[in-house]
Amino acid sequence: IAEMFSGETTDIGGVTIYDPYKTKEYDSIESLLTEENIDILYPTWLPENEEIVSVTYLIDAQVENYILQCNDIKYNIYIYLKDNIDDNVKQDCIEAEIGTFKVYYFAEENYAQAFLEHNNMLYSVNSDTKDNLFKTIENLREIN
């Protein structure tokens, strides 16, 4: 599902895209990204019982981003276009290499978050544990 400002909603399996003028459904996140020519990373693995249930695109004067929304908000992935990791984040987080990505992360008892840059975009990946966070990042892929 992708939501753009306002529009009609439907509760049908698969992926739906919203914009101010129309509602469009997709069979999968891959279909959405391919058909709409959206060049972002998406997870091919999420923790058990989690899945992407909507993709929201937001734009205003300060920010342009996508939100990959999961069943539980704890696992959402935020993608900020034309942005990079703030120096304060770099100082406050632990640096690590996960797959091909250089990330800055922190982990608490029931929450973990990592920041990474890819193709002039800032990704904020969230999870319940450090292990699940790292596995999600290891399984980020591009359509193209």
Protein backbone atom coordinates (compact mmCIF):
# COMPACT_ATOMS: atom_id res chain seq x y z
CA ILE A 1 0.00 0.00 0.00
CA ALA A 2 1.32 3.45 -0.70
CA GLU A 3 -0.38 6.58 0.56
CA MET A 4 0.09 9.98 -0.98
CA PHE A 5 -1.60 12.76 1.04
CA SER A 6 -5.27 11.74 0.78
CA GLY A 7 -7.39 9.46 -1.35
CA GLU A 8 -9.56 6.42 -1.15
CA THR A 9 -8.51 3.39 0.85
CA THR A 10 -9.14 -0.29 0.30
CA ASP A 11 -8.37 -3.23 2.54
CA ILE A 12 -7.44 -5.88 -0.03
CA GLY A 13 -4.47 -8.25 0.03
CA GLY A 14 -1.38 -7.22 -1.86
CA VAL A 15 -0.10 -3.67 -2.08
CA THR A 16 -2.21 -0.57 -2.67
CA ILE A 17 -1.00 2.87 -3.64
CA TYR A 18 -2.88 6.03 -2.70
CA ASP A 19 -2.56 9.47 -4.19
CA PRO A 20 -4.88 12.48 -4.12
CA TYR A 21 -6.62 11.32 -7.29
CA LYS A 22 -6.60 7.53 -7.46
CA THR A 23 -6.06 4.25 -5.67
CA LYS A 24 -3.88 1.61 -7.26
CA GLU A 25 -3.19 -1.90 -6.04
CA TYR A 26 -0.02 -3.93 -6.50
CA ASP A 27 0.59 -7.62 -5.91
CA SER A 28 3.87 -6.98 -4.08
CA ILE A 29 6.42 -4.37 -3.09
CA GLU A 30 8.48 -5.49 -6.11
CA SER A 31 5.54 -4.79 -8.45
CA LEU A 32 5.04 -1.33 -6.95
CA LEU A 33 8.71 -0.41 -7.31
CA THR A 34 8.98 -1.79 -10.84
CA GLU A 35 5.75 -0.33 -12.24
CA GLU A 36 6.22 3.09 -10.64
CA ASN A 37 9.98 3.14 -11.37
CA ILE A 38 10.86 3.81 -7.72
CA ASP A 39 14.55 3.22 -7.08
CA ILE A 40 14.82 2.42 -3.37
CA LEU A 41 16.07 -0.49 -1.30
CA TYR A 42 13.43 -2.80 0.18
CA PRO A 43 13.71 -5.70 2.62
CA THR A 44 13.47 -9.25 1.28
CA TRP A 45 13.42 -10.52 4.85
CA LEU A 46 11.54 -9.27 7.92
CA PRO A 47 11.04 -10.94 11.32
CA GLU A 48 8.40 -13.68 11.58
CA ASN A 49 4.81 -12.51 10.99
CA GLU A 50 6.00 -9.12 9.71
CA GLU A 51 5.39 -7.77 6.23
CA ILE A 52 5.20 -4.44 4.46
CA VAL A 53 1.53 -3.43 4.59
CA SER A 54 1.83 0.04 3.05
CA VAL A 55 4.26 2.37 1.34
CA THR A 56 3.73 6.06 1.99
CA TYR A 57 5.31 8.81 -0.08
CA LEU A 58 5.48 12.24 1.54
CA ILE A 59 6.77 15.51 0.15
CA ASP A 60 6.76 19.03 1.52
CA ALA A 61 9.11 22.01 1.59
CA GLN A 62 11.47 20.38 4.11
CA VAL A 63 11.46 16.67 3.31
CA GLU A 64 10.76 14.06 0.66
CA ASN A 65 10.55 10.51 1.89
CA TYR A 66 9.07 7.04 1.69
CA ILE A 67 7.87 5.05 4.66
CA LEU A 68 7.78 1.27 4.33
CA GLN A 69 5.16 0.47 6.96
CA CYS A 70 5.03 -2.97 8.56
CA ASN A 71 2.39 -4.71 10.66
CA ASP A 72 4.14 -3.37 13.75
CA ILE A 73 5.51 0.18 13.55
CA LYS A 74 8.61 -1.08 15.37
CA TYR A 75 9.83 -2.53 12.03
CA ASN A 76 9.14 0.45 9.74
CA ILE A 77 11.81 1.65 7.32
CA TYR A 78 12.07 5.38 6.61
CA ILE A 79 13.80 6.56 3.43
CA TYR A 80 14.73 10.24 3.15
CA LEU A 81 15.58 11.36 -0.37
CA LYS A 82 18.55 13.66 -0.89
CA ASP A 83 19.69 13.34 2.70
CA ASN A 84 22.64 11.95 4.63
CA ILE A 85 23.57 10.83 8.13
CA ASP A 86 23.87 13.69 10.61
CA ASP A 87 27.24 14.05 12.37
CA ASN A 88 25.49 13.81 15.77
CA VAL A 89 24.09 10.41 14.79
CA LYS A 90 27.57 9.26 13.81
CA GLN A 91 28.91 10.35 17.20
CA ASP A 92 26.06 8.80 19.23
CA CYS A 93 25.84 5.45 17.41
CA ILE A 94 28.08 2.45 16.84
CA GLU A 95 29.60 2.12 13.38
CA ALA A 96 29.42 -1.28 11.67
CA GLU A 97 29.72 -2.95 8.27
CA ILE A 98 26.67 -5.05 7.43
CA GLY A 99 26.90 -6.74 4.05
CA THR A 100 27.87 -3.96 1.64
CA PHE A 101 26.52 -1.21 3.90
CA LYS A 102 28.30 1.04 6.38
CA VAL A 103 25.76 1.67 9.13
CA TYR A 104 25.45 3.56 12.38
CA TYR A 105 23.24 1.80 14.90
CA PHE A 106 22.11 1.58 18.49
CA ALA A 107 20.33 -1.22 20.30
CA GLU A 108 18.32 -1.24 23.50
CA GLU A 109 16.45 -4.05 25.24
CA ASN A 110 13.44 -4.22 22.86
CA TYR A 111 14.41 -1.81 20.09
CA ALA A 112 17.22 -1.31 17.59
CA GLN A 113 17.73 1.28 14.87
CA ALA A 114 20.32 1.77 12.15
CA PHE A 115 21.08 4.55 9.70
CA LEU A 116 22.71 4.00 6.32
CA GLU A 117 23.23 5.94 3.12
CA HIS A 118 22.61 4.59 -0.35
CA ASN A 119 22.27 6.47 -3.67
CA ASN A 120 21.92 9.89 -2.02
CA MET A 121 19.21 8.62 0.35
CA LEU A 122 19.21 8.16 4.10
CA TYR A 123 17.64 4.95 5.41
CA SER A 124 16.42 4.54 8.96
CA VAL A 125 15.85 0.82 9.57
CA ASN A 126 14.09 -0.28 12.76
CA SER A 127 13.64 -3.60 14.53
CA ASP A 128 13.10 -5.28 17.88
CA THR A 129 16.61 -6.71 18.32
CA LYS A 130 20.11 -6.08 17.00
CA ASP A 131 20.12 -9.53 15.33
CA ASN A 132 16.85 -8.89 13.48
CA LEU A 133 18.01 -5.39 12.55
CA PHE A 134 21.24 -6.71 11.04
CA LYS A 135 19.41 -9.52 9.19
CA THR A 136 16.93 -7.00 7.73
CA ILE A 137 19.80 -4.81 6.51
CA GLU A 138 21.68 -7.81 5.07
CA ASN A 139 18.56 -8.52 3.02
CA LEU A 140 17.95 -5.05 1.57
CA ARG A 141 17.73 -5.23 -2.24
CA GLU A 142 17.10 -3.03 -5.28
CA ILE A 143 14.77 -3.84 -8.15
CA ASN A 144 17.24 -2.61 -10.78
